[in-house]
């Protein structure tokens, strides 16, 4: 298998710290081969600051796997990164964006098996004129530019204990009622079922569809949205041969016995999905983007400017993201773009 492409992320954050620390423990933890898209000089400075002995080798992606046992493979960015830990500067956003662009180009060309993205600072990107809402949308834009095909990526937070998908993501609560639709739930369910089958090798994925209102609306007593929007979506998914149940009361959807009855829970808004998984798997949950023509995972944490460069960052989620990316990339090729 080809190596994984690890992006630099926000250089002033903990992403570079974790990449260096994980490479140091590669044999102990049986880490799959990866390369990082970064400025080699910047990485050397960060390793020195952390007191880590990390020999690096500037390579092409095709040479990364052979180098990985003895040196951290670096696919060099054609720009200098000067940001210090905890202090993003004018080099931060261009470096983060260029690293993502190169990783996507590599995986689309077949020279990387999958992408693992280190965390970025959205405010730093926005201040540079970055037009996309976030990482996921930028990946979709890059795919569209490369293929001419539009797609809708879906965010899934995965752990061995629980997998959740927020149907609406970063919206104020008052806007959820405006944005949530039967079609959106159905489209999300199709993508989740398809990728659970193709990449997670679940022969017949079981989807639990959470209700929007308390007690899933209790037959209209607590709002009509569950009867009018969610229930028709569940019926349509079942009519298409997808095993979906709901709308289900969210307050009883995440205990151990309930979790054993489904493979992923589709939740109607951000906190309905993220609170349970961060309660159950705060350190080792992985962000997985479904609906792309390649595998993309990411650790489920932010840039942590306050501890960048200190050596205190916990690499557990990055380790899980690397392992999951390798596992999914080794699975069957997903359905072509546009398939349902």
C-alpha atoms as a PDB file:
ATOM      1  CA  UNK A   1       0.000   0.000   0.000  1.00  0.00           C
ATOM      2  CA  UNK A   2       1.117   3.559  -0.677  1.00  0.00           C
ATOM      3  CA  UNK A   3       2.042   5.741   2.330  1.00  0.00           C
ATOM      4  CA  UNK A   4      -0.423   8.072   4.027  1.00  0.00           C
ATOM      5  CA  UNK A   5      -0.148  11.802   3.405  1.00  0.00           C
ATOM      6  CA  UNK A   6      -0.191  13.803   6.648  1.00  0.00           C
ATOM      7  CA  UNK A   7      -0.827  17.516   6.317  1.00  0.00           C
ATOM      8  CA  UNK A   8       1.016  20.122   8.344  1.00  0.00           C
ATOM      9  CA  UNK A   9      -2.104  21.793   9.712  1.00  0.00           C
ATOM     10  CA  UNK A  10      -1.662  25.081  11.549  1.00  0.00           C
ATOM     11  CA  UNK A  11       2.120  25.271  12.041  1.00  0.00           C
ATOM     12  CA  UNK A  12       1.786  27.241  15.287  1.00  0.00           C
ATOM     13  CA  UNK A  13      -0.404  24.507  16.764  1.00  0.00           C
ATOM     14  CA  UNK A  14       0.231  21.000  18.056  1.00  0.00           C
ATOM     15  CA  UNK A  15      -0.018  19.244  14.683  1.00  0.00           C
ATOM     16  CA  UNK A  16       3.743  19.354  13.998  1.00  0.00           C
ATOM     17  CA  UNK A  17       4.475  18.284  17.601  1.00  0.00           C
ATOM     18  CA  UNK A  18       2.264  15.226  17.253  1.00  0.00           C
ATOM     19  CA  UNK A  19       3.676  14.211  13.860  1.00  0.00           C
ATOM     20  CA  UNK A  20       7.188  14.278  15.265  1.00  0.00           C
ATOM     21  CA  UNK A  21       6.213  12.441  18.449  1.00  0.00           C
ATOM     22  CA  UNK A  22       4.308   9.714  16.600  1.00  0.00           C
ATOM     23  CA  UNK A  23       7.205   9.092  14.217  1.00  0.00           C
ATOM     24  CA  UNK A  24       9.480   8.612  17.251  1.00  0.00           C
ATOM     25  CA  UNK A  25       7.143   5.849  18.466  1.00  0.00           C
ATOM     26  CA  UNK A  26       6.538   4.288  15.027  1.00  0.00           C
ATOM     27  CA  UNK A  27       7.982   0.858  15.819  1.00  0.00           C
ATOM     28  CA  UNK A  28       6.535   0.604  19.312  1.00  0.00           C
ATOM     29  CA  UNK A  29       3.038   1.487  18.099  1.00  0.00           C
ATOM     30  CA  UNK A  30       3.228  -0.164  14.653  1.00  0.00           C
ATOM     31  CA  UNK A  31       2.331   3.094  12.930  1.00  0.00           C
ATOM     32  CA  UNK A  32       1.549   2.822   9.189  1.00  0.00           C
ATOM     33  CA  UNK A  33       4.036   4.578   6.933  1.00  0.00           C
ATOM     34  CA  UNK A  34       3.279   8.245   6.335  1.00  0.00           C
ATOM     35  CA  UNK A  35       4.942  11.365   5.064  1.00  0.00           C
ATOM     36  CA  UNK A  36       4.246  14.926   6.126  1.00  0.00           C
ATOM     37  CA  UNK A  37       3.818  17.792   3.662  1.00  0.00           C
ATOM     38  CA  UNK A  38       5.790  20.582   5.316  1.00  0.00           C
ATOM     39  CA  UNK A  39       8.803  22.873   5.334  1.00  0.00           C
ATOM     40  CA  UNK A  40      11.719  20.599   6.373  1.00  0.00           C
ATOM     41  CA  UNK A  41      13.588  23.403   8.122  1.00  0.00           C
ATOM     42  CA  UNK A  42      10.522  24.301  10.138  1.00  0.00           C
ATOM     43  CA  UNK A  43      10.148  20.691  11.292  1.00  0.00           C
ATOM     44  CA  UNK A  44      13.802  20.536  12.330  1.00  0.00           C
ATOM     45  CA  UNK A  45      13.387  23.656  14.442  1.00  0.00           C
ATOM     46  CA  UNK A  46      10.273  22.269  16.106  1.00  0.00           C
ATOM     47  CA  UNK A  47      11.965  18.930  16.817  1.00  0.00           C
ATOM     48  CA  UNK A  48      14.902  20.753  18.421  1.00  0.00           C
ATOM     49  CA  UNK A  49      12.520  22.780  20.578  1.00  0.00           C
ATOM     50  CA  UNK A  50      10.802  19.597  21.722  1.00  0.00           C
ATOM     51  CA  UNK A  51      14.111  17.845  22.357  1.00  0.00           C
ATOM     52  CA  UNK A  52      13.266  15.076  19.895  1.00  0.00           C
ATOM     53  CA  UNK A  53      15.876  13.281  17.811  1.00  0.00           C
ATOM     54  CA  UNK A  54      14.038  13.113  14.484  1.00  0.00           C
ATOM     55  CA  UNK A  55      16.174  12.650  11.393  1.00  0.00           C
ATOM     56  CA  UNK A  56      14.195  13.727   8.340  1.00  0.00           C
ATOM     57  CA  UNK A  57      14.492  13.018   4.641  1.00  0.00           C
ATOM     58  CA  UNK A  58      13.068  15.169   1.867  1.00  0.00           C
ATOM     59  CA  UNK A  59      11.399  12.687  -0.483  1.00  0.00           C
ATOM     60  CA  UNK A  60       8.856  12.187  -3.210  1.00  0.00           C
ATOM     61  CA  UNK A  61       5.735  10.310  -2.080  1.00  0.00           C
ATOM     62  CA  UNK A  62       6.870   7.166  -3.891  1.00  0.00           C
ATOM     63  CA  UNK A  63      10.049   7.037  -1.777  1.00  0.00           C
ATOM     64  CA  UNK A  64       8.381   7.761   1.564  1.00  0.00           C
ATOM     65  CA  UNK A  65       7.556   4.218   2.666  1.00  0.00           C
ATOM     66  CA  UNK A  66      11.140   3.019   2.189  1.00  0.00           C
ATOM     67  CA  UNK A  67      12.505   5.954   4.197  1.00  0.00           C
ATOM     68  CA  UNK A  68       9.929   5.789   6.993  1.00  0.00           C
ATOM     69  CA  UNK A  69      11.747   3.254   9.235  1.00  0.00           C
ATOM     70  CA  UNK A  70      14.894   5.403   9.503  1.00  0.00           C
ATOM     71  CA  UNK A  71      13.811   9.011   8.896  1.00  0.00           C
ATOM     72  CA  UNK A  72      10.648  11.079   8.907  1.00  0.00           C
ATOM     73  CA  UNK A  73       9.738  11.462   5.224  1.00  0.00           C
ATOM     74  CA  UNK A  74       8.956  15.070   4.289  1.00  0.00           C
ATOM     75  CA  UNK A  75       7.421  16.165   1.005  1.00  0.00           C
ATOM     76  CA  UNK A  76       8.714  19.701   0.925  1.00  0.00           C
ATOM     77  CA  UNK A  77       6.538  22.769   0.582  1.00  0.00           C
ATOM     78  CA  UNK A  78       7.928  25.432  -1.693  1.00  0.00           C
ATOM     79  CA  UNK A  79       7.663  28.117   0.970  1.00  0.00           C
ATOM     80  CA  UNK A  80       9.274  28.914   4.303  1.00  0.00           C
ATOM     81  CA  UNK A  81       7.285  28.507   7.504  1.00  0.00           C
ATOM     82  CA  UNK A  82       8.299  30.832  10.328  1.00  0.00           C
ATOM     83  CA  UNK A  83       5.439  30.535  12.839  1.00  0.00           C
ATOM     84  CA  UNK A  84       6.439  29.907  16.436  1.00  0.00           C
ATOM     85  CA  UNK A  85       4.423  27.660  18.769  1.00  0.00           C
ATOM     86  CA  UNK A  86       1.239  29.386  19.853  1.00  0.00           C
ATOM     87  CA  UNK A  87       1.867  32.363  17.583  1.00  0.00           C
ATOM     88  CA  UNK A  88       0.496  32.004  14.051  1.00  0.00           C
ATOM     89  CA  UNK A  89       1.924  34.500  11.576  1.00  0.00           C
ATOM     90  CA  UNK A  90       1.610  35.377   7.896  1.00  0.00           C
ATOM     91  CA  UNK A  91       3.256  32.109   6.883  1.00  0.00           C
ATOM     92  CA  UNK A  92       0.677  30.006   8.756  1.00  0.00           C
ATOM     93  CA  UNK A  93      -2.308  30.049   6.410  1.00  0.00           C
ATOM     94  CA  UNK A  94      -0.361  29.701   3.120  1.00  0.00           C
ATOM     95  CA  UNK A  95       1.528  26.728   4.555  1.00  0.00           C
ATOM     96  CA  UNK A  96      -1.604  25.010   5.871  1.00  0.00           C
ATOM     97  CA  UNK A  97      -3.454  25.519   2.577  1.00  0.00           C
ATOM     98  CA  UNK A  98      -0.522  24.440   0.406  1.00  0.00           C
ATOM     99  CA  UNK A  99      -0.077  21.296   2.474  1.00  0.00           C
ATOM    100  CA  UNK A 100      -3.712  20.313   1.953  1.00  0.00           C
ATOM    101  CA  UNK A 101      -3.525  21.033  -1.783  1.00  0.00           C
ATOM    102  CA  UNK A 102      -0.440  18.853  -2.196  1.00  0.00           C
ATOM    103  CA  UNK A 103      -1.888  15.986  -0.153  1.00  0.00           C
ATOM    104  CA  UNK A 104      -5.083  16.000  -2.228  1.00  0.00           C
ATOM    105  CA  UNK A 105      -3.080  16.080  -5.462  1.00  0.00           C
ATOM    106  CA  UNK A 106      -1.031  13.108  -4.255  1.00  0.00           C
ATOM    107  CA  UNK A 107      -4.000  10.974  -3.224  1.00  0.00           C
ATOM    108  CA  UNK A 108      -5.861  11.809  -6.444  1.00  0.00           C
ATOM    109  CA  UNK A 109      -2.755  10.787  -8.406  1.00  0.00           C
ATOM    110  CA  UNK A 110      -2.499   7.509  -6.512  1.00  0.00           C
ATOM    111  CA  UNK A 111       0.853   8.262  -4.854  1.00  0.00           C
ATOM    112  CA  UNK A 112      -0.729   8.459  -1.394  1.00  0.00           C
ATOM    113  CA  UNK A 113      -3.154   5.893   0.004  1.00  0.00           C
ATOM    114  CA  UNK A 114      -5.178   8.371   2.052  1.00  0.00           C
ATOM    115  CA  UNK A 115      -5.006  11.779   3.717  1.00  0.00           C
ATOM    116  CA  UNK A 116      -4.758  12.476   7.428  1.00  0.00           C
ATOM    117  CA  UNK A 117      -5.240  16.164   8.153  1.00  0.00           C
ATOM    118  CA  UNK A 118      -3.729  17.935  11.144  1.00  0.00           C
ATOM    119  CA  UNK A 119      -5.923  20.603  12.783  1.00  0.00           C
ATOM    120  CA  UNK A 120      -6.125  24.090  11.318  1.00  0.00           C
ATOM    121  CA  UNK A 121      -7.154  27.384  12.904  1.00  0.00           C
ATOM    122  CA  UNK A 122     -10.163  28.649  10.976  1.00  0.00           C
ATOM    123  CA  UNK A 123      -9.763  32.219  12.152  1.00  0.00           C
ATOM    124  CA  UNK A 124      -6.190  32.274  10.846  1.00  0.00           C
ATOM    125  CA  UNK A 125      -7.364  30.940   7.483  1.00  0.00           C
ATOM    126  CA  UNK A 126     -10.251  33.401   7.312  1.00  0.00           C
ATOM    127  CA  UNK A 127      -7.948  36.321   8.060  1.00  0.00           C
ATOM    128  CA  UNK A 128      -5.869  35.306   5.034  1.00  0.00           C
ATOM    129  CA  UNK A 129      -8.895  35.438   2.725  1.00  0.00           C
ATOM    130  CA  UNK A 130      -9.681  31.705   2.779  1.00  0.00           C
ATOM    131  CA  UNK A 131     -13.189  31.405   1.338  1.00  0.00           C
ATOM    132  CA  UNK A 132     -14.247  27.923   2.440  1.00  0.00           C
ATOM    133  CA  UNK A 133     -16.136  27.289   5.709  1.00  0.00           C
ATOM    134  CA  UNK A 134     -13.581  24.668   6.755  1.00  0.00           C
ATOM    135  CA  UNK A 135     -11.338  21.742   5.959  1.00  0.00           C
ATOM    136  CA  UNK A 136     -14.063  19.448   4.687  1.00  0.00           C
ATOM    137  CA  UNK A 137     -15.558  21.921   2.260  1.00  0.00           C
ATOM    138  CA  UNK A 138     -12.095  22.780   0.921  1.00  0.00           C
ATOM    139  CA  UNK A 139     -11.443  19.117   0.192  1.00  0.00           C
ATOM    140  CA  UNK A 140     -14.719  18.923  -1.729  1.00  0.00           C
ATOM    141  CA  UNK A 141     -13.786  22.022  -3.731  1.00  0.00           C
ATOM    142  CA  UNK A 142     -10.384  20.560  -4.625  1.00  0.00           C
ATOM    143  CA  UNK A 143     -12.024  17.336  -5.794  1.00  0.00           C
ATOM    144  CA  UNK A 144     -14.490  19.284  -7.918  1.00  0.00           C
ATOM    145  CA  UNK A 145     -11.655  21.293  -9.467  1.00  0.00           C
ATOM    146  CA  UNK A 146      -9.779  18.075 -10.284  1.00  0.00           C
ATOM    147  CA  UNK A 147     -12.700  16.036 -11.595  1.00  0.00           C
ATOM    148  CA  UNK A 148     -15.412  18.487 -12.594  1.00  0.00           C
ATOM    149  CA  UNK A 149     -17.841  16.571 -10.384  1.00  0.00           C
ATOM    150  CA  UNK A 150     -19.616  18.111  -7.412  1.00  0.00           C
ATOM    151  CA  UNK A 151     -20.138  16.127  -4.251  1.00  0.00           C
ATOM    152  CA  UNK A 152     -21.404  16.554  -0.718  1.00  0.00           C
ATOM    153  CA  UNK A 153     -18.971  15.415   1.943  1.00  0.00           C
ATOM    154  CA  UNK A 154     -20.370  14.069   5.203  1.00  0.00           C
ATOM    155  CA  UNK A 155     -18.644  14.299   8.565  1.00  0.00           C
ATOM    156  CA  UNK A 156     -18.607  11.199  10.723  1.00  0.00           C
ATOM    157  CA  UNK A 157     -17.018  10.979  14.165  1.00  0.00           C
ATOM    158  CA  UNK A 158     -15.901   7.396  14.661  1.00  0.00           C
ATOM    159  CA  UNK A 159     -14.632   5.368  17.590  1.00  0.00           C
ATOM    160  CA  UNK A 160     -14.869   1.674  18.470  1.00  0.00           C
ATOM    161  CA  UNK A 161     -17.626   2.595  20.924  1.00  0.00           C
ATOM    162  CA  UNK A 162     -19.771   4.806  18.701  1.00  0.00           C
ATOM    163  CA  UNK A 163     -20.035   6.379  15.246  1.00  0.00           C
ATOM    164  CA  UNK A 164     -22.140   9.516  14.808  1.00  0.00           C
ATOM    165  CA  UNK A 165     -23.016  11.754  11.871  1.00  0.00           C
ATOM    166  CA  UNK A 166     -24.410  15.264  12.368  1.00  0.00           C
ATOM    167  CA  UNK A 167     -26.852  15.944   9.517  1.00  0.00           C
ATOM    168  CA  UNK A 168     -26.529  19.690  10.107  1.00  0.00           C
ATOM    169  CA  UNK A 169     -23.217  20.834  11.503  1.00  0.00           C
ATOM    170  CA  UNK A 170     -22.109  24.327  12.492  1.00  0.00           C
ATOM    171  CA  UNK A 171     -25.457  26.096  12.667  1.00  0.00           C
ATOM    172  CA  UNK A 172     -27.065  28.186  15.411  1.00  0.00           C
ATOM    173  CA  UNK A 173     -29.920  26.213  16.920  1.00  0.00           C
ATOM    174  CA  UNK A 174     -32.543  28.561  15.490  1.00  0.00           C
ATOM    175  CA  UNK A 175     -31.298  27.843  11.947  1.00  0.00           C
ATOM    176  CA  UNK A 176     -31.537  24.067  12.254  1.00  0.00           C
ATOM    177  CA  UNK A 177     -35.305  24.241  11.782  1.00  0.00           C
ATOM    178  CA  UNK A 178     -34.753  26.183   8.553  1.00  0.00           C
ATOM    179  CA  UNK A 179     -32.009  23.946   7.126  1.00  0.00           C
ATOM    180  CA  UNK A 180     -33.126  20.453   8.125  1.00  0.00           C
ATOM    181  CA  UNK A 181     -35.083  18.670   5.392  1.00  0.00           C
ATOM    182  CA  UNK A 182     -36.183  15.191   4.447  1.00  0.00           C
ATOM    183  CA  UNK A 183     -33.950  15.319   1.376  1.00  0.00           C
ATOM    184  CA  UNK A 184     -30.895  16.281   3.447  1.00  0.00           C
ATOM    185  CA  UNK A 185     -31.436  13.365   5.833  1.00  0.00           C
ATOM    186  CA  UNK A 186     -31.959  10.934   2.945  1.00  0.00           C
ATOM    187  CA  UNK A 187     -28.877  12.123   1.060  1.00  0.00           C
ATOM    188  CA  UNK A 188     -26.777  11.892   4.224  1.00  0.00           C
ATOM    189  CA  UNK A 189     -28.085   8.404   4.986  1.00  0.00           C
ATOM    190  CA  UNK A 190     -27.256   7.193   1.474  1.00  0.00           C
ATOM    191  CA  UNK A 191     -23.670   8.411   1.725  1.00  0.00           C
ATOM    192  CA  UNK A 192     -23.187   6.940   5.201  1.00  0.00           C
ATOM    193  CA  UNK A 193     -24.614   3.557   4.215  1.00  0.00           C
ATOM    194  CA  UNK A 194     -22.540   3.443   1.030  1.00  0.00           C
ATOM    195  CA  UNK A 195     -19.235   4.235   2.739  1.00  0.00           C
ATOM    196  CA  UNK A 196     -19.879   1.986   5.736  1.00  0.00           C
ATOM    197  CA  UNK A 197     -20.315  -0.863   3.245  1.00  0.00           C
ATOM    198  CA  UNK A 198     -17.464   0.039   0.898  1.00  0.00           C
ATOM    199  CA  UNK A 199     -14.803   1.167   3.365  1.00  0.00           C
ATOM    200  CA  UNK A 200     -15.770  -0.238   6.764  1.00  0.00           C
ATOM    201  CA  UNK A 201     -16.846  -3.543   5.147  1.00  0.00           C
ATOM    202  CA  UNK A 202     -20.178  -3.665   6.954  1.00  0.00           C
ATOM    203  CA  UNK A 203     -22.325  -5.806   4.676  1.00  0.00           C
ATOM    204  CA  UNK A 204     -25.662  -4.227   5.635  1.00  0.00           C
ATOM    205  CA  UNK A 205     -25.115  -1.059   7.660  1.00  0.00           C
ATOM    206  CA  UNK A 206     -27.719  -0.292  10.322  1.00  0.00           C
ATOM    207  CA  UNK A 207     -28.544   3.396  10.746  1.00  0.00           C
ATOM    208  CA  UNK A 208     -30.264   4.850  13.798  1.00  0.00           C
ATOM    209  CA  UNK A 209     -31.942   8.156  12.959  1.00  0.00           C
ATOM    210  CA  UNK A 210     -32.314  10.470  15.933  1.00  0.00           C
ATOM    211  CA  UNK A 211     -35.364  12.635  16.369  1.00  0.00           C
ATOM    212  CA  UNK A 212     -35.010  16.391  16.425  1.00  0.00           C
ATOM    213  CA  UNK A 213     -37.304  17.213  19.340  1.00  0.00           C
ATOM    214  CA  UNK A 214     -37.450  15.753  22.859  1.00  0.00           C
ATOM    215  CA  UNK A 215     -38.772  12.176  22.775  1.00  0.00           C
ATOM    216  CA  UNK A 216     -38.679  12.384  18.954  1.00  0.00           C
ATOM    217  CA  UNK A 217     -41.609  14.778  19.097  1.00  0.00           C
ATOM    218  CA  UNK A 218     -43.859  12.323  20.976  1.00  0.00           C
ATOM    219  CA  UNK A 219     -46.314  12.072  18.102  1.00  0.00           C
ATOM    220  CA  UNK A 220     -46.524  15.824  17.649  1.00  0.00           C
ATOM    221  CA  UNK A 221     -46.781  16.804  21.305  1.00  0.00           C
ATOM    222  CA  UNK A 222     -43.318  18.407  21.211  1.00  0.00           C
ATOM    223  CA  UNK A 223     -43.222  19.646  17.631  1.00  0.00           C
ATOM    224  CA  UNK A 224     -44.201  18.435  14.192  1.00  0.00           C
ATOM    225  CA  UNK A 225     -40.706  18.198  12.669  1.00  0.00           C
ATOM    226  CA  UNK A 226     -40.160  14.536  13.541  1.00  0.00           C
ATOM    227  CA  UNK A 227     -43.419  13.470  11.894  1.00  0.00           C
ATOM    228  CA  UNK A 228     -43.138  15.870   8.980  1.00  0.00           C
ATOM    229  CA  UNK A 229     -39.391  15.726   8.175  1.00  0.00           C
ATOM    230  CA  UNK A 230     -37.552  12.879   9.915  1.00  0.00           C
ATOM    231  CA  UNK A 231     -40.060  10.034   9.648  1.00  0.00           C
ATOM    232  CA  UNK A 232     -40.518  10.445   5.852  1.00  0.00           C
ATOM    233  CA  UNK A 233     -36.725  10.345   5.451  1.00  0.00           C
ATOM    234  CA  UNK A 234     -36.538   7.067   7.355  1.00  0.00           C
ATOM    235  CA  UNK A 235     -39.309   5.639   5.179  1.00  0.00           C
ATOM    236  CA  UNK A 236     -37.495   6.668   1.990  1.00  0.00           C
ATOM    237  CA  UNK A 237     -34.209   5.157   3.149  1.00  0.00           C
ATOM    238  CA  UNK A 238     -35.937   1.875   3.919  1.00  0.00           C
ATOM    239  CA  UNK A 239     -37.654   1.943   0.544  1.00  0.00           C
ATOM    240  CA  UNK A 240     -34.196   2.191  -1.049  1.00  0.00           C
ATOM    241  CA  UNK A 241     -33.052  -0.921   0.824  1.00  0.00           C
ATOM    242  CA  UNK A 242     -31.122   0.884   3.575  1.00  0.00           C
ATOM    243  CA  UNK A 243     -31.637  -0.427   7.105  1.00  0.00           C
ATOM    244  CA  UNK A 244     -32.724   2.728   8.934  1.00  0.00           C
ATOM    245  CA  UNK A 245     -34.791   3.112  12.113  1.00  0.00           C
ATOM    246  CA  UNK A 246     -36.307   6.218  13.602  1.00  0.00           C
ATOM    247  CA  UNK A 247     -36.983   8.860  14.498  1.00  0.00           C
ATOM    248  CA  UNK A 248     -35.588   7.669  17.832  1.00  0.00           C
ATOM    249  CA  UNK A 249     -35.467   9.617  21.061  1.00  0.00           C
ATOM    250  CA  UNK A 250     -31.923  10.921  21.379  1.00  0.00           C
ATOM    251  CA  UNK A 251     -31.881  10.700  25.157  1.00  0.00           C
ATOM    252  CA  UNK A 252     -32.006   6.885  25.004  1.00  0.00           C
ATOM    253  CA  UNK A 253     -29.967   6.333  21.850  1.00  0.00           C
ATOM    254  CA  UNK A 254     -26.424   6.210  23.213  1.00  0.00           C
ATOM    255  CA  UNK A 255     -26.358   3.804  26.156  1.00  0.00           C
ATOM    256  CA  UNK A 256     -24.487   0.531  25.700  1.00  0.00           C
ATOM    257  CA  UNK A 257     -27.437  -1.719  24.792  1.00  0.00           C
ATOM    258  CA  UNK A 258     -28.781   0.808  22.310  1.00  0.00           C
ATOM    259  CA  UNK A 259     -25.393   1.233  20.615  1.00  0.00           C
ATOM    260  CA  UNK A 260     -25.247  -2.510  19.964  1.00  0.00           C
ATOM    261  CA  UNK A 261     -28.262  -2.217  17.645  1.00  0.00           C
ATOM    262  CA  UNK A 262     -26.789   0.122  15.019  1.00  0.00           C
ATOM    263  CA  UNK A 263     -23.549   0.905  13.182  1.00  0.00           C
ATOM    264  CA  UNK A 264     -23.944   4.693  12.995  1.00  0.00           C
ATOM    265  CA  UNK A 265     -26.318   7.240  14.464  1.00  0.00           C
ATOM    266  CA  UNK A 266     -27.504  10.103  12.276  1.00  0.00           C
ATOM    267  CA  UNK A 267     -28.109  13.089  14.498  1.00  0.00           C
ATOM    268  CA  UNK A 268     -30.003  16.202  13.557  1.00  0.00           C
ATOM    269  CA  UNK A 269     -27.512  18.777  14.845  1.00  0.00           C
ATOM    270  CA  UNK A 270     -23.939  19.230  16.009  1.00  0.00           C
ATOM    271  CA  UNK A 271     -24.162  18.783  19.781  1.00  0.00           C
ATOM    272  CA  UNK A 272     -26.640  15.920  19.556  1.00  0.00           C
ATOM    273  CA  UNK A 273     -23.866  13.969  17.812  1.00  0.00           C
ATOM    274  CA  UNK A 274     -20.698  15.284  19.394  1.00  0.00           C
ATOM    275  CA  UNK A 275     -21.629  15.298  23.066  1.00  0.00           C
ATOM    276  CA  UNK A 276     -22.097  11.512  23.289  1.00  0.00           C
ATOM    277  CA  UNK A 277     -18.999  10.584  21.309  1.00  0.00           C
ATOM    278  CA  UNK A 278     -16.803  13.035  23.179  1.00  0.00           C
ATOM    279  CA  UNK A 279     -18.149  11.638  26.438  1.00  0.00           C
ATOM    280  CA  UNK A 280     -17.409   8.059  25.418  1.00  0.00           C
ATOM    281  CA  UNK A 281     -14.226   8.522  23.359  1.00  0.00           C
ATOM    282  CA  UNK A 282     -12.780  11.962  23.986  1.00  0.00           C
ATOM    283  CA  UNK A 283      -9.125  10.992  23.444  1.00  0.00           C
ATOM    284  CA  UNK A 284      -9.419   8.523  20.588  1.00  0.00           C
ATOM    285  CA  UNK A 285     -12.345   9.547  18.390  1.00  0.00           C
ATOM    286  CA  UNK A 286     -11.496  10.187  14.741  1.00  0.00           C
ATOM    287  CA  UNK A 287     -13.096  12.584  12.274  1.00  0.00           C
ATOM    288  CA  UNK A 288     -13.782  10.719   9.004  1.00  0.00           C
ATOM    289  CA  UNK A 289     -15.040  12.453   5.869  1.00  0.00           C
ATOM    290  CA  UNK A 290     -17.466  10.291   3.918  1.00  0.00           C
ATOM    291  CA  UNK A 291     -18.530  10.941   0.342  1.00  0.00           C
ATOM    292  CA  UNK A 292     -15.052  11.721  -1.026  1.00  0.00           C
ATOM    293  CA  UNK A 293     -13.305   9.635  -3.703  1.00  0.00           C
ATOM    294  CA  UNK A 294     -10.476   9.014  -1.222  1.00  0.00           C
ATOM    295  CA  UNK A 295     -10.094   8.336   2.488  1.00  0.00           C
ATOM    296  CA  UNK A 296      -9.647  11.342   4.762  1.00  0.00           C
ATOM    297  CA  UNK A 297      -9.361  11.141   8.529  1.00  0.00           C
ATOM    298  CA  UNK A 298      -8.379  13.694  11.125  1.00  0.00           C
ATOM    299  CA  UNK A 299      -7.742  13.704  14.858  1.00  0.00           C
ATOM    300  CA  UNK A 300     -10.750  14.999  16.743  1.00  0.00           C
ATOM    301  CA  UNK A 301      -9.078  17.954  18.444  1.00  0.00           C
ATOM    302  CA  UNK A 302      -7.981  21.476  17.675  1.00  0.00           C
ATOM    303  CA  UNK A 303      -4.724  23.371  17.406  1.00  0.00           C
ATOM    304  CA  UNK A 304      -4.207  23.773  21.182  1.00  0.00           C
ATOM    305  CA  UNK A 305      -2.062  26.894  20.859  1.00  0.00           C
ATOM    306  CA  UNK A 306      -1.611  27.002  24.640  1.00  0.00           C
ATOM    307  CA  UNK A 307       0.484  23.811  24.713  1.00  0.00           C
ATOM    308  CA  UNK A 308       2.098  23.897  21.257  1.00  0.00           C
ATOM    309  CA  UNK A 309       5.844  23.381  21.462  1.00  0.00           C
ATOM    310  CA  UNK A 310       5.648  22.098  25.039  1.00  0.00           C
ATOM    311  CA  UNK A 311       5.614  18.369  24.415  1.00  0.00           C
ATOM    312  CA  UNK A 312       2.392  18.002  26.427  1.00  0.00           C
ATOM    313  CA  UNK A 313       0.055  17.241  23.517  1.00  0.00           C
ATOM    314  CA  UNK A 314      -1.606  13.806  23.553  1.00  0.00           C
ATOM    315  CA  UNK A 315      -1.042  11.881  20.307  1.00  0.00           C
ATOM    316  CA  UNK A 316      -3.778   9.285  20.923  1.00  0.00           C
ATOM    317  CA  UNK A 317      -6.245  10.742  18.418  1.00  0.00           C
ATOM    318  CA  UNK A 318      -3.625  11.187  15.690  1.00  0.00           C
ATOM    319  CA  UNK A 319      -2.502   7.591  16.178  1.00  0.00           C
ATOM    320  CA  UNK A 320      -6.123   6.466  15.840  1.00  0.00           C
ATOM    321  CA  UNK A 321      -6.567   8.643  12.731  1.00  0.00           C
ATOM    322  CA  UNK A 322      -3.477   7.166  11.053  1.00  0.00           C
ATOM    323  CA  UNK A 323      -4.507   3.613  11.849  1.00  0.00           C
ATOM    324  CA  UNK A 324      -8.072   4.121  10.672  1.00  0.00           C
ATOM    325  CA  UNK A 325      -6.929   5.808   7.452  1.00  0.00           C
ATOM    326  CA  UNK A 326      -4.691   2.841   6.652  1.00  0.00           C
ATOM    327  CA  UNK A 327      -7.489   0.397   7.453  1.00  0.00           C
ATOM    328  CA  UNK A 328     -10.047   2.174   5.285  1.00  0.00           C
ATOM    329  CA  UNK A 329      -7.612   2.708   2.415  1.00  0.00           C
ATOM    330  CA  UNK A 330      -6.925  -1.019   2.353  1.00  0.00           C
ATOM    331  CA  UNK A 331     -10.645  -1.776   1.990  1.00  0.00           C
ATOM    332  CA  UNK A 332     -12.549  -2.072  -1.264  1.00  0.00           C
ATOM    333  CA  UNK A 333     -12.639   0.897  -3.611  1.00  0.00           C
ATOM    334  CA  UNK A 334     -15.769   2.949  -2.853  1.00  0.00           C
ATOM    335  CA  UNK A 335     -18.561   3.486  -5.360  1.00  0.00           C
ATOM    336  CA  UNK A 336     -17.886   6.116  -8.046  1.00  0.00           C
ATOM    337  CA  UNK A 337     -18.839   9.705  -7.436  1.00  0.00           C
ATOM    338  CA  UNK A 338     -22.516  10.285  -8.044  1.00  0.00           C
ATOM    339  CA  UNK A 339     -23.516   6.731  -7.152  1.00  0.00           C
ATOM    340  CA  UNK A 340     -26.226   6.272  -4.579  1.00  0.00           C
END
